[in-house]
């Protein structure tokens, strides 16, 4: 899987999860922009699915505001089918499933 060893869980409950991303040597980061590694947006859907045991069947809305880089701390907050993603306390993604 693409997310194998991509992150470590720092905190998790039913509506919030905090992860720390791996470094730029992970294969996911090598595929996106050599010399400027970022987390591909679609990977966030896989992470949400894994963290919240959520079967994603439809994406109603997804707004990607800022890029996410290796080694960053990411917070996923869930409110029903709505997810907000924060990187170092700054909102970087809003998703409605």
C-alpha atoms as a PDB file:
ATOM      1  CA  UNK A   1       0.000   0.000   0.000  1.00  0.00           C
ATOM      2  CA  UNK A   2       1.060   3.553  -0.655  1.00  0.00           C
ATOM      3  CA  UNK A   3       0.616   4.529   2.974  1.00  0.00           C
ATOM      4  CA  UNK A   4       2.792   1.789   4.475  1.00  0.00           C
ATOM      5  CA  UNK A   5       5.272   3.510   6.811  1.00  0.00           C
ATOM      6  CA  UNK A   6       4.083   6.916   5.576  1.00  0.00           C
ATOM      7  CA  UNK A   7       3.020   8.110   9.016  1.00  0.00           C
ATOM      8  CA  UNK A   8       2.984   7.360  12.724  1.00  0.00           C
ATOM      9  CA  UNK A   9      -0.083   7.958  14.848  1.00  0.00           C
ATOM     10  CA  UNK A  10       0.574  10.453  17.639  1.00  0.00           C
ATOM     11  CA  UNK A  11      -3.031  10.607  18.908  1.00  0.00           C
ATOM     12  CA  UNK A  12      -6.339   9.082  17.863  1.00  0.00           C
ATOM     13  CA  UNK A  13      -9.944   9.004  19.017  1.00  0.00           C
ATOM     14  CA  UNK A  14     -13.266   8.708  17.165  1.00  0.00           C
ATOM     15  CA  UNK A  15     -13.230  12.272  15.806  1.00  0.00           C
ATOM     16  CA  UNK A  16      -9.602  13.363  15.798  1.00  0.00           C
ATOM     17  CA  UNK A  17      -6.299  11.893  14.733  1.00  0.00           C
ATOM     18  CA  UNK A  18      -2.825  13.392  14.788  1.00  0.00           C
ATOM     19  CA  UNK A  19      -0.059  11.859  12.701  1.00  0.00           C
ATOM     20  CA  UNK A  20       3.585  12.582  11.946  1.00  0.00           C
ATOM     21  CA  UNK A  21       4.601  12.059   8.350  1.00  0.00           C
ATOM     22  CA  UNK A  22       7.761  10.222   7.383  1.00  0.00           C
ATOM     23  CA  UNK A  23      10.707  11.942   5.768  1.00  0.00           C
ATOM     24  CA  UNK A  24      11.149  12.709   2.075  1.00  0.00           C
ATOM     25  CA  UNK A  25      12.648   9.252   1.406  1.00  0.00           C
ATOM     26  CA  UNK A  26       9.209   7.612   1.460  1.00  0.00           C
ATOM     27  CA  UNK A  27       8.149   6.582  -2.093  1.00  0.00           C
ATOM     28  CA  UNK A  28       5.008   8.754  -1.952  1.00  0.00           C
ATOM     29  CA  UNK A  29       7.149  11.880  -1.679  1.00  0.00           C
ATOM     30  CA  UNK A  30       9.522  10.804  -4.441  1.00  0.00           C
ATOM     31  CA  UNK A  31       6.697  10.737  -6.986  1.00  0.00           C
ATOM     32  CA  UNK A  32       5.629  14.335  -6.475  1.00  0.00           C
ATOM     33  CA  UNK A  33       7.896  17.112  -7.689  1.00  0.00           C
ATOM     34  CA  UNK A  34      11.554  16.100  -7.444  1.00  0.00           C
ATOM     35  CA  UNK A  35      13.394  18.566  -5.228  1.00  0.00           C
ATOM     36  CA  UNK A  36      10.105  19.799  -3.731  1.00  0.00           C
ATOM     37  CA  UNK A  37       8.400  16.773  -2.157  1.00  0.00           C
ATOM     38  CA  UNK A  38       4.749  17.164  -1.136  1.00  0.00           C
ATOM     39  CA  UNK A  39       2.034  14.793  -0.007  1.00  0.00           C
ATOM     40  CA  UNK A  40      -0.249  14.052  -2.992  1.00  0.00           C
ATOM     41  CA  UNK A  41      -3.774  15.217  -2.211  1.00  0.00           C
ATOM     42  CA  UNK A  42      -5.421  11.874  -2.971  1.00  0.00           C
ATOM     43  CA  UNK A  43      -3.358  10.164  -0.267  1.00  0.00           C
ATOM     44  CA  UNK A  44      -5.348  12.091   2.353  1.00  0.00           C
ATOM     45  CA  UNK A  45      -8.410  10.053   1.395  1.00  0.00           C
ATOM     46  CA  UNK A  46      -6.496   6.835   2.055  1.00  0.00           C
ATOM     47  CA  UNK A  47      -5.262   8.183   5.392  1.00  0.00           C
ATOM     48  CA  UNK A  48      -8.800   9.221   6.434  1.00  0.00           C
ATOM     49  CA  UNK A  49     -10.107   5.798   5.449  1.00  0.00           C
ATOM     50  CA  UNK A  50      -7.429   4.069   7.525  1.00  0.00           C
ATOM     51  CA  UNK A  51      -7.554   6.324  10.574  1.00  0.00           C
ATOM     52  CA  UNK A  52     -11.324   6.449  10.933  1.00  0.00           C
ATOM     53  CA  UNK A  53     -12.189   3.047   9.436  1.00  0.00           C
ATOM     54  CA  UNK A  54     -14.282   5.006   6.953  1.00  0.00           C
ATOM     55  CA  UNK A  55     -15.361   3.517   3.641  1.00  0.00           C
ATOM     56  CA  UNK A  56     -15.182   6.356   1.112  1.00  0.00           C
ATOM     57  CA  UNK A  57     -17.710   5.831  -1.648  1.00  0.00           C
ATOM     58  CA  UNK A  58     -18.260   9.414  -2.788  1.00  0.00           C
ATOM     59  CA  UNK A  59     -16.370  12.688  -2.521  1.00  0.00           C
ATOM     60  CA  UNK A  60     -18.863  15.554  -2.449  1.00  0.00           C
ATOM     61  CA  UNK A  61     -16.360  18.356  -1.971  1.00  0.00           C
ATOM     62  CA  UNK A  62     -12.620  18.667  -1.457  1.00  0.00           C
ATOM     63  CA  UNK A  63     -10.734  21.922  -1.099  1.00  0.00           C
ATOM     64  CA  UNK A  64      -6.944  21.773  -0.947  1.00  0.00           C
ATOM     65  CA  UNK A  65      -5.659  25.051   0.485  1.00  0.00           C
ATOM     66  CA  UNK A  66      -1.957  24.449   1.159  1.00  0.00           C
ATOM     67  CA  UNK A  67       0.606  21.757   0.496  1.00  0.00           C
ATOM     68  CA  UNK A  68       1.753  19.230   3.063  1.00  0.00           C
ATOM     69  CA  UNK A  69       5.438  18.351   3.243  1.00  0.00           C
ATOM     70  CA  UNK A  70       7.424  15.449   4.725  1.00  0.00           C
ATOM     71  CA  UNK A  71       8.011  15.310   8.502  1.00  0.00           C
ATOM     72  CA  UNK A  72       5.032  17.543   9.278  1.00  0.00           C
ATOM     73  CA  UNK A  73       2.469  16.948  12.014  1.00  0.00           C
ATOM     74  CA  UNK A  74      -1.026  16.596  10.523  1.00  0.00           C
ATOM     75  CA  UNK A  75      -4.330  16.724  12.404  1.00  0.00           C
ATOM     76  CA  UNK A  76      -7.485  15.198  10.951  1.00  0.00           C
ATOM     77  CA  UNK A  77     -10.741  16.317  12.569  1.00  0.00           C
ATOM     78  CA  UNK A  78     -13.992  14.545  11.788  1.00  0.00           C
ATOM     79  CA  UNK A  79     -17.533  15.849  12.152  1.00  0.00           C
ATOM     80  CA  UNK A  80     -19.792  13.224  10.577  1.00  0.00           C
ATOM     81  CA  UNK A  81     -18.864  13.128   6.875  1.00  0.00           C
ATOM     82  CA  UNK A  82     -16.923  16.400   7.077  1.00  0.00           C
ATOM     83  CA  UNK A  83     -13.193  16.420   7.620  1.00  0.00           C
ATOM     84  CA  UNK A  84     -10.816  19.290   8.273  1.00  0.00           C
ATOM     85  CA  UNK A  85      -7.109  18.752   7.919  1.00  0.00           C
ATOM     86  CA  UNK A  86      -4.649  20.945   9.767  1.00  0.00           C
ATOM     87  CA  UNK A  87      -0.910  21.193   9.336  1.00  0.00           C
ATOM     88  CA  UNK A  88       0.780  22.795  12.300  1.00  0.00           C
ATOM     89  CA  UNK A  89      -2.577  24.329  13.350  1.00  0.00           C
ATOM     90  CA  UNK A  90      -3.276  25.845   9.912  1.00  0.00           C
ATOM     91  CA  UNK A  91      -6.267  24.549   7.935  1.00  0.00           C
ATOM     92  CA  UNK A  92      -4.910  22.955   4.769  1.00  0.00           C
ATOM     93  CA  UNK A  93      -7.782  20.779   3.487  1.00  0.00           C
ATOM     94  CA  UNK A  94     -11.567  20.646   3.840  1.00  0.00           C
ATOM     95  CA  UNK A  95     -13.391  17.509   2.708  1.00  0.00           C
ATOM     96  CA  UNK A  96     -17.034  16.476   2.596  1.00  0.00           C
ATOM     97  CA  UNK A  97     -17.706  12.831   1.848  1.00  0.00           C
END
